């Protein structure tokens, strides 16, 4: 029989996971708005969404819509790579990928005001976006729930090839960027630097650094993650706790 405490723990864990996903996607949207190059995970969706506005034979989906499709492809690839070793609970990655894509579209609307023709402003937006993305990833990892599809494909390659996970992750990221550039030439006739640019290369290095940095300073998030007041005191206790942390 499932205990009430376990249900509360599960729900609270996934509420914080949703918060983490939202923070991540705000960072992703900010990187797109910088016009200096999107983050790695959104390069291919950005190319496809841009092509959809120009070509009749490409679906006119949003960046979030193409992100959902790409995440679904990642899950299928994991199944093909791992075969019998694929843990079917990881199919929940599809739900996570769907929510991630929807949050991207929401934040693309909320970040419209960030668009600027000033290169300095764009650089600051890029740095801020990458920092926020790294913060969100650090929180998402702390939640310890279902793996993100982008991480899942790297883990699958790591298990099959024996490569260290960081090396597998780097190779996946490079593959995504190369494919995005290839799609730019095939669908948009040229390399679009606002999609895959200096900001993309910056994100590949800087986001990992910020994740490691934030991991050292998220003890407060660990405490928040394990916060379990009784039902009657839940809301008031949580409010007091957050107020003390501010």
C-alpha atoms as a PDB file:
ATOM      1  CA  UNK A   1       0.000   0.000   0.000  1.00  0.00           C
ATOM      2  CA  UNK A   2       1.329   3.413  -0.972  1.00  0.00           C
ATOM      3  CA  UNK A   3       1.824   5.664   2.039  1.00  0.00           C
ATOM      4  CA  UNK A   4       0.567   9.224   2.098  1.00  0.00           C
ATOM      5  CA  UNK A   5       4.118  10.462   2.713  1.00  0.00           C
ATOM      6  CA  UNK A   6       5.315   8.727  -0.462  1.00  0.00           C
ATOM      7  CA  UNK A   7       2.560  10.364  -2.514  1.00  0.00           C
ATOM      8  CA  UNK A   8       3.402  13.804  -1.120  1.00  0.00           C
ATOM      9  CA  UNK A   9       7.095  13.183  -1.786  1.00  0.00           C
ATOM     10  CA  UNK A  10       6.411  12.121  -5.387  1.00  0.00           C
ATOM     11  CA  UNK A  11       4.150  15.085  -6.107  1.00  0.00           C
ATOM     12  CA  UNK A  12       6.512  17.597  -4.506  1.00  0.00           C
ATOM     13  CA  UNK A  13       9.504  16.170  -6.374  1.00  0.00           C
ATOM     14  CA  UNK A  14       7.746  16.584  -9.702  1.00  0.00           C
ATOM     15  CA  UNK A  15       6.455  20.061  -8.895  1.00  0.00           C
ATOM     16  CA  UNK A  16      10.071  21.108  -8.412  1.00  0.00           C
ATOM     17  CA  UNK A  17      10.975  19.254 -11.614  1.00  0.00           C
ATOM     18  CA  UNK A  18       8.419  21.361 -13.498  1.00  0.00           C
ATOM     19  CA  UNK A  19       9.930  24.497 -11.972  1.00  0.00           C
ATOM     20  CA  UNK A  20      13.365  23.318 -13.107  1.00  0.00           C
ATOM     21  CA  UNK A  21      12.119  22.666 -16.648  1.00  0.00           C
ATOM     22  CA  UNK A  22      10.562  26.116 -16.775  1.00  0.00           C
ATOM     23  CA  UNK A  23      13.813  27.755 -15.678  1.00  0.00           C
ATOM     24  CA  UNK A  24      15.742  25.753 -18.284  1.00  0.00           C
ATOM     25  CA  UNK A  25      13.398  26.741 -21.095  1.00  0.00           C
ATOM     26  CA  UNK A  26      13.513  30.398 -20.098  1.00  0.00           C
ATOM     27  CA  UNK A  27      17.262  30.193 -20.578  1.00  0.00           C
ATOM     28  CA  UNK A  28      16.804  28.435 -23.932  1.00  0.00           C
ATOM     29  CA  UNK A  29      14.402  31.149 -25.120  1.00  0.00           C
ATOM     30  CA  UNK A  30      16.753  33.920 -23.980  1.00  0.00           C
ATOM     31  CA  UNK A  31      19.601  32.372 -25.991  1.00  0.00           C
ATOM     32  CA  UNK A  32      17.372  32.353 -29.076  1.00  0.00           C
ATOM     33  CA  UNK A  33      16.472  36.010 -28.494  1.00  0.00           C
ATOM     34  CA  UNK A  34      20.149  36.972 -28.299  1.00  0.00           C
ATOM     35  CA  UNK A  35      20.466  36.342 -32.058  1.00  0.00           C
ATOM     36  CA  UNK A  36      24.045  35.205 -31.446  1.00  0.00           C
ATOM     37  CA  UNK A  37      23.312  31.489 -31.616  1.00  0.00           C
ATOM     38  CA  UNK A  38      20.861  29.294 -29.755  1.00  0.00           C
ATOM     39  CA  UNK A  39      21.766  26.677 -27.157  1.00  0.00           C
ATOM     40  CA  UNK A  40      22.727  23.259 -28.520  1.00  0.00           C
ATOM     41  CA  UNK A  41      19.415  21.550 -27.723  1.00  0.00           C
ATOM     42  CA  UNK A  42      17.426  24.115 -29.705  1.00  0.00           C
ATOM     43  CA  UNK A  43      19.633  24.461 -32.801  1.00  0.00           C
ATOM     44  CA  UNK A  44      17.857  21.868 -34.956  1.00  0.00           C
ATOM     45  CA  UNK A  45      14.334  22.887 -33.811  1.00  0.00           C
ATOM     46  CA  UNK A  46      15.230  26.539 -34.539  1.00  0.00           C
ATOM     47  CA  UNK A  47      16.405  25.655 -38.059  1.00  0.00           C
ATOM     48  CA  UNK A  48      13.281  23.606 -38.760  1.00  0.00           C
ATOM     49  CA  UNK A  49      10.942  26.277 -37.386  1.00  0.00           C
ATOM     50  CA  UNK A  50      12.678  28.908 -39.537  1.00  0.00           C
ATOM     51  CA  UNK A  51      12.457  26.656 -42.605  1.00  0.00           C
ATOM     52  CA  UNK A  52       8.762  26.081 -41.948  1.00  0.00           C
ATOM     53  CA  UNK A  53       8.130  29.797 -42.377  1.00  0.00           C
ATOM     54  CA  UNK A  54       9.800  29.777 -45.803  1.00  0.00           C
ATOM     55  CA  UNK A  55       9.099  26.376 -47.362  1.00  0.00           C
ATOM     56  CA  UNK A  56       5.680  24.897 -48.078  1.00  0.00           C
ATOM     57  CA  UNK A  57       6.839  21.301 -47.625  1.00  0.00           C
ATOM     58  CA  UNK A  58       8.160  21.889 -44.092  1.00  0.00           C
ATOM     59  CA  UNK A  59       5.516  21.906 -41.312  1.00  0.00           C
ATOM     60  CA  UNK A  60       4.999  25.375 -39.803  1.00  0.00           C
ATOM     61  CA  UNK A  61       5.680  24.234 -36.276  1.00  0.00           C
ATOM     62  CA  UNK A  62       7.153  26.289 -33.480  1.00  0.00           C
ATOM     63  CA  UNK A  63      10.571  25.767 -31.937  1.00  0.00           C
ATOM     64  CA  UNK A  64       8.810  24.047 -29.058  1.00  0.00           C
ATOM     65  CA  UNK A  65       6.903  21.784 -31.439  1.00  0.00           C
ATOM     66  CA  UNK A  66      10.077  20.652 -33.174  1.00  0.00           C
ATOM     67  CA  UNK A  67      11.741  20.216 -29.778  1.00  0.00           C
ATOM     68  CA  UNK A  68       8.958  17.810 -28.781  1.00  0.00           C
ATOM     69  CA  UNK A  69       9.499  15.844 -31.994  1.00  0.00           C
ATOM     70  CA  UNK A  70      13.274  15.758 -31.496  1.00  0.00           C
ATOM     71  CA  UNK A  71      12.872  14.533 -27.926  1.00  0.00           C
ATOM     72  CA  UNK A  72      10.585  11.747 -29.157  1.00  0.00           C
ATOM     73  CA  UNK A  73      13.261  10.759 -31.688  1.00  0.00           C
ATOM     74  CA  UNK A  74      15.813  10.675 -28.860  1.00  0.00           C
ATOM     75  CA  UNK A  75      13.630   8.204 -26.954  1.00  0.00           C
ATOM     76  CA  UNK A  76      13.230   5.980 -30.029  1.00  0.00           C
ATOM     77  CA  UNK A  77      17.001   6.025 -30.545  1.00  0.00           C
ATOM     78  CA  UNK A  78      17.523   4.989 -26.927  1.00  0.00           C
ATOM     79  CA  UNK A  79      15.245   1.995 -27.466  1.00  0.00           C
ATOM     80  CA  UNK A  80      17.152   1.018 -30.622  1.00  0.00           C
ATOM     81  CA  UNK A  81      20.545   1.446 -28.942  1.00  0.00           C
ATOM     82  CA  UNK A  82      19.791  -0.249 -25.616  1.00  0.00           C
ATOM     83  CA  UNK A  83      17.256  -2.817 -26.877  1.00  0.00           C
ATOM     84  CA  UNK A  84      16.532  -5.215 -23.997  1.00  0.00           C
ATOM     85  CA  UNK A  85      18.451  -3.023 -21.566  1.00  0.00           C
ATOM     86  CA  UNK A  86      16.091  -0.097 -22.099  1.00  0.00           C
ATOM     87  CA  UNK A  87      14.170   0.644 -18.906  1.00  0.00           C
ATOM     88  CA  UNK A  88      10.559   1.152 -19.916  1.00  0.00           C
ATOM     89  CA  UNK A  89      10.003   3.647 -17.111  1.00  0.00           C
ATOM     90  CA  UNK A  90      12.145   5.953 -19.246  1.00  0.00           C
ATOM     91  CA  UNK A  91       9.191   6.274 -21.622  1.00  0.00           C
ATOM     92  CA  UNK A  92       8.144   9.027 -19.232  1.00  0.00           C
ATOM     93  CA  UNK A  93      10.835  11.014 -21.038  1.00  0.00           C
ATOM     94  CA  UNK A  94       8.153  11.558 -23.681  1.00  0.00           C
ATOM     95  CA  UNK A  95       6.038  13.450 -21.151  1.00  0.00           C
ATOM     96  CA  UNK A  96       9.039  15.442 -19.955  1.00  0.00           C
ATOM     97  CA  UNK A  97       9.990  16.245 -23.549  1.00  0.00           C
ATOM     98  CA  UNK A  98       6.446  17.392 -24.309  1.00  0.00           C
ATOM     99  CA  UNK A  99       6.336  19.707 -21.297  1.00  0.00           C
ATOM    100  CA  UNK A 100       9.808  21.009 -22.148  1.00  0.00           C
ATOM    101  CA  UNK A 101       8.671  21.921 -25.662  1.00  0.00           C
ATOM    102  CA  UNK A 102       5.507  23.613 -24.418  1.00  0.00           C
ATOM    103  CA  UNK A 103       7.508  25.656 -21.917  1.00  0.00           C
ATOM    104  CA  UNK A 104       9.873  26.755 -24.705  1.00  0.00           C
ATOM    105  CA  UNK A 105       6.954  28.123 -26.716  1.00  0.00           C
ATOM    106  CA  UNK A 106       5.585  29.887 -23.647  1.00  0.00           C
ATOM    107  CA  UNK A 107       8.927  31.501 -22.905  1.00  0.00           C
ATOM    108  CA  UNK A 108       9.456  32.459 -26.551  1.00  0.00           C
ATOM    109  CA  UNK A 109       6.366  34.629 -26.105  1.00  0.00           C
ATOM    110  CA  UNK A 110       7.499  36.000 -22.746  1.00  0.00           C
ATOM    111  CA  UNK A 111      10.991  36.917 -24.002  1.00  0.00           C
ATOM    112  CA  UNK A 112       9.984  38.916 -27.080  1.00  0.00           C
ATOM    113  CA  UNK A 113      11.024  42.103 -25.300  1.00  0.00           C
ATOM    114  CA  UNK A 114      14.642  40.878 -25.211  1.00  0.00           C
ATOM    115  CA  UNK A 115      15.141  41.291 -28.969  1.00  0.00           C
ATOM    116  CA  UNK A 116      17.662  44.053 -29.676  1.00  0.00           C
ATOM    117  CA  UNK A 117      19.898  45.309 -32.473  1.00  0.00           C
ATOM    118  CA  UNK A 118      22.599  46.252 -29.972  1.00  0.00           C
ATOM    119  CA  UNK A 119      25.394  43.655 -29.990  1.00  0.00           C
ATOM    120  CA  UNK A 120      26.320  44.394 -26.367  1.00  0.00           C
ATOM    121  CA  UNK A 121      22.737  43.863 -25.220  1.00  0.00           C
ATOM    122  CA  UNK A 122      22.582  40.640 -27.218  1.00  0.00           C
ATOM    123  CA  UNK A 123      25.803  39.431 -25.607  1.00  0.00           C
ATOM    124  CA  UNK A 124      24.396  40.121 -22.143  1.00  0.00           C
ATOM    125  CA  UNK A 125      21.168  38.301 -23.047  1.00  0.00           C
ATOM    126  CA  UNK A 126      23.215  35.319 -24.266  1.00  0.00           C
ATOM    127  CA  UNK A 127      25.249  35.172 -21.058  1.00  0.00           C
ATOM    128  CA  UNK A 128      22.121  35.543 -18.932  1.00  0.00           C
ATOM    129  CA  UNK A 129      20.313  32.860 -20.934  1.00  0.00           C
ATOM    130  CA  UNK A 130      23.175  30.377 -20.593  1.00  0.00           C
ATOM    131  CA  UNK A 131      23.462  31.104 -16.867  1.00  0.00           C
ATOM    132  CA  UNK A 132      19.737  30.557 -16.330  1.00  0.00           C
ATOM    133  CA  UNK A 133      19.871  27.376 -18.423  1.00  0.00           C
ATOM    134  CA  UNK A 134      22.754  26.045 -16.324  1.00  0.00           C
ATOM    135  CA  UNK A 135      20.872  26.882 -13.123  1.00  0.00           C
ATOM    136  CA  UNK A 136      17.796  25.033 -14.380  1.00  0.00           C
ATOM    137  CA  UNK A 137      19.828  21.982 -15.388  1.00  0.00           C
ATOM    138  CA  UNK A 138      21.480  21.867 -11.961  1.00  0.00           C
ATOM    139  CA  UNK A 139      18.048  21.906 -10.298  1.00  0.00           C
ATOM    140  CA  UNK A 140      16.670  19.305 -12.730  1.00  0.00           C
ATOM    141  CA  UNK A 141      19.520  16.919 -11.905  1.00  0.00           C
ATOM    142  CA  UNK A 142      18.920  17.424  -8.167  1.00  0.00           C
ATOM    143  CA  UNK A 143      15.285  16.394  -8.608  1.00  0.00           C
ATOM    144  CA  UNK A 144      16.513  12.922  -9.582  1.00  0.00           C
ATOM    145  CA  UNK A 145      13.414  12.063 -11.580  1.00  0.00           C
ATOM    146  CA  UNK A 146      13.130  10.783 -15.159  1.00  0.00           C
ATOM    147  CA  UNK A 147      16.098  11.609 -17.381  1.00  0.00           C
ATOM    148  CA  UNK A 148      15.716  14.353 -19.971  1.00  0.00           C
ATOM    149  CA  UNK A 149      15.680  12.863 -23.504  1.00  0.00           C
ATOM    150  CA  UNK A 150      18.789  14.819 -24.500  1.00  0.00           C
ATOM    151  CA  UNK A 151      20.667  13.349 -21.551  1.00  0.00           C
ATOM    152  CA  UNK A 152      19.095   9.935 -22.083  1.00  0.00           C
ATOM    153  CA  UNK A 153      20.603   9.494 -25.545  1.00  0.00           C
ATOM    154  CA  UNK A 154      24.051  10.375 -24.160  1.00  0.00           C
ATOM    155  CA  UNK A 155      23.607   7.872 -21.330  1.00  0.00           C
ATOM    156  CA  UNK A 156      22.555   5.172 -23.815  1.00  0.00           C
ATOM    157  CA  UNK A 157      25.669   5.780 -25.931  1.00  0.00           C
ATOM    158  CA  UNK A 158      27.800   5.759 -22.776  1.00  0.00           C
ATOM    159  CA  UNK A 159      26.404   2.361 -21.731  1.00  0.00           C
ATOM    160  CA  UNK A 160      26.888   0.742 -25.136  1.00  0.00           C
ATOM    161  CA  UNK A 161      30.278   2.196 -26.114  1.00  0.00           C
ATOM    162  CA  UNK A 162      31.877   2.484 -22.689  1.00  0.00           C
ATOM    163  CA  UNK A 163      32.819   6.090 -23.376  1.00  0.00           C
ATOM    164  CA  UNK A 164      32.813   8.315 -20.274  1.00  0.00           C
ATOM    165  CA  UNK A 165      29.493  10.155 -20.042  1.00  0.00           C
ATOM    166  CA  UNK A 166      31.041  13.638 -20.540  1.00  0.00           C
ATOM    167  CA  UNK A 167      32.724  12.448 -23.746  1.00  0.00           C
ATOM    168  CA  UNK A 168      29.474  10.890 -24.997  1.00  0.00           C
ATOM    169  CA  UNK A 169      27.605  14.114 -24.170  1.00  0.00           C
ATOM    170  CA  UNK A 170      30.133  16.255 -26.035  1.00  0.00           C
ATOM    171  CA  UNK A 171      29.902  14.033 -29.103  1.00  0.00           C
ATOM    172  CA  UNK A 172      26.115  14.187 -29.068  1.00  0.00           C
ATOM    173  CA  UNK A 173      26.243  17.985 -28.778  1.00  0.00           C
ATOM    174  CA  UNK A 174      28.721  18.265 -31.648  1.00  0.00           C
ATOM    175  CA  UNK A 175      26.538  15.988 -33.776  1.00  0.00           C
ATOM    176  CA  UNK A 176      23.480  18.157 -33.129  1.00  0.00           C
ATOM    177  CA  UNK A 177      25.360  21.332 -34.043  1.00  0.00           C
ATOM    178  CA  UNK A 178      26.797  19.801 -37.230  1.00  0.00           C
ATOM    179  CA  UNK A 179      23.341  18.571 -38.258  1.00  0.00           C
ATOM    180  CA  UNK A 180      21.887  22.022 -37.572  1.00  0.00           C
ATOM    181  CA  UNK A 181      24.504  23.637 -39.827  1.00  0.00           C
ATOM    182  CA  UNK A 182      23.828  21.021 -42.520  1.00  0.00           C
ATOM    183  CA  UNK A 183      20.080  21.687 -42.314  1.00  0.00           C
ATOM    184  CA  UNK A 184      20.788  25.421 -42.604  1.00  0.00           C
ATOM    185  CA  UNK A 185      22.503  24.883 -45.946  1.00  0.00           C
ATOM    186  CA  UNK A 186      19.916  22.372 -47.187  1.00  0.00           C
ATOM    187  CA  UNK A 187      16.787  24.272 -46.140  1.00  0.00           C
ATOM    188  CA  UNK A 188      17.834  27.905 -45.697  1.00  0.00           C
ATOM    189  CA  UNK A 189      20.568  28.062 -48.375  1.00  0.00           C
ATOM    190  CA  UNK A 190      23.209  29.441 -46.022  1.00  0.00           C
ATOM    191  CA  UNK A 191      24.680  29.231 -42.545  1.00  0.00           C
ATOM    192  CA  UNK A 192      22.414  31.239 -40.252  1.00  0.00           C
ATOM    193  CA  UNK A 193      24.654  32.679 -37.563  1.00  0.00           C
ATOM    194  CA  UNK A 194      21.711  33.768 -35.433  1.00  0.00           C
ATOM    195  CA  UNK A 195      20.791  30.069 -35.154  1.00  0.00           C
ATOM    196  CA  UNK A 196      24.216  28.427 -34.923  1.00  0.00           C
ATOM    197  CA  UNK A 197      26.736  31.086 -34.027  1.00  0.00           C
ATOM    198  CA  UNK A 198      29.330  32.165 -31.534  1.00  0.00           C
ATOM    199  CA  UNK A 199      26.667  32.009 -28.842  1.00  0.00           C
ATOM    200  CA  UNK A 200      26.169  28.305 -29.540  1.00  0.00           C
ATOM    201  CA  UNK A 201      29.868  27.585 -29.059  1.00  0.00           C
ATOM    202  CA  UNK A 202      29.839  29.735 -25.931  1.00  0.00           C
ATOM    203  CA  UNK A 203      26.857  27.786 -24.581  1.00  0.00           C
ATOM    204  CA  UNK A 204      28.580  24.433 -25.199  1.00  0.00           C
ATOM    205  CA  UNK A 205      31.351  25.432 -22.789  1.00  0.00           C
ATOM    206  CA  UNK A 206      29.746  27.903 -20.414  1.00  0.00           C
ATOM    207  CA  UNK A 207      26.572  25.975 -19.533  1.00  0.00           C
ATOM    208  CA  UNK A 208      28.588  23.007 -18.268  1.00  0.00           C
ATOM    209  CA  UNK A 209      30.715  25.331 -16.145  1.00  0.00           C
ATOM    210  CA  UNK A 210      27.660  26.985 -14.605  1.00  0.00           C
ATOM    211  CA  UNK A 211      26.052  23.610 -13.844  1.00  0.00           C
ATOM    212  CA  UNK A 212      29.144  22.522 -11.908  1.00  0.00           C
ATOM    213  CA  UNK A 213      29.282  25.886 -10.130  1.00  0.00           C
ATOM    214  CA  UNK A 214      25.610  25.878  -9.151  1.00  0.00           C
ATOM    215  CA  UNK A 215      25.863  22.270  -7.929  1.00  0.00           C
ATOM    216  CA  UNK A 216      28.169  23.513  -5.174  1.00  0.00           C
ATOM    217  CA  UNK A 217      25.610  26.067  -3.991  1.00  0.00           C
ATOM    218  CA  UNK A 218      22.297  24.194  -4.125  1.00  0.00           C
ATOM    219  CA  UNK A 219      22.165  22.902  -0.569  1.00  0.00           C
ATOM    220  CA  UNK A 220      19.088  25.110  -0.102  1.00  0.00           C
ATOM    221  CA  UNK A 221      17.412  23.311  -3.035  1.00  0.00           C
ATOM    222  CA  UNK A 222      18.215  19.928  -1.475  1.00  0.00           C
ATOM    223  CA  UNK A 223      16.511  21.088   1.720  1.00  0.00           C
ATOM    224  CA  UNK A 224      13.552  22.375  -0.285  1.00  0.00           C
ATOM    225  CA  UNK A 225      13.352  19.078  -2.175  1.00  0.00           C
ATOM    226  CA  UNK A 226      13.160  17.125   1.078  1.00  0.00           C
ATOM    227  CA  UNK A 227      10.778  19.524   2.806  1.00  0.00           C
ATOM    228  CA  UNK A 228       7.818  17.430   4.044  1.00  0.00           C
ATOM    229  CA  UNK A 229       5.422  19.267   6.421  1.00  0.00           C
ATOM    230  CA  UNK A 230       2.076  17.805   7.352  1.00  0.00           C
ATOM    231  CA  UNK A 231      -0.864  18.501   5.060  1.00  0.00           C
ATOM    232  CA  UNK A 232      -2.516  21.109   7.289  1.00  0.00           C
ATOM    233  CA  UNK A 233       0.756  23.007   7.747  1.00  0.00           C
ATOM    234  CA  UNK A 234       2.040  22.434   4.212  1.00  0.00           C
ATOM    235  CA  UNK A 235       1.341  25.769   2.532  1.00  0.00           C
ATOM    236  CA  UNK A 236       2.048  27.978   5.546  1.00  0.00           C
ATOM    237  CA  UNK A 237       5.170  26.055   6.492  1.00  0.00           C
ATOM    238  CA  UNK A 238       6.539  26.231   2.966  1.00  0.00           C
ATOM    239  CA  UNK A 239       5.865  29.969   2.767  1.00  0.00           C
ATOM    240  CA  UNK A 240       7.736  30.551   6.034  1.00  0.00           C
ATOM    241  CA  UNK A 241      10.644  28.422   4.846  1.00  0.00           C
ATOM    242  CA  UNK A 242      10.990  30.289   1.548  1.00  0.00           C
ATOM    243  CA  UNK A 243      10.784  33.638   3.356  1.00  0.00           C
ATOM    244  CA  UNK A 244      13.665  32.620   5.634  1.00  0.00           C
ATOM    245  CA  UNK A 245      15.799  31.710   2.610  1.00  0.00           C
ATOM    246  CA  UNK A 246      15.289  35.102   0.902  1.00  0.00           C
END
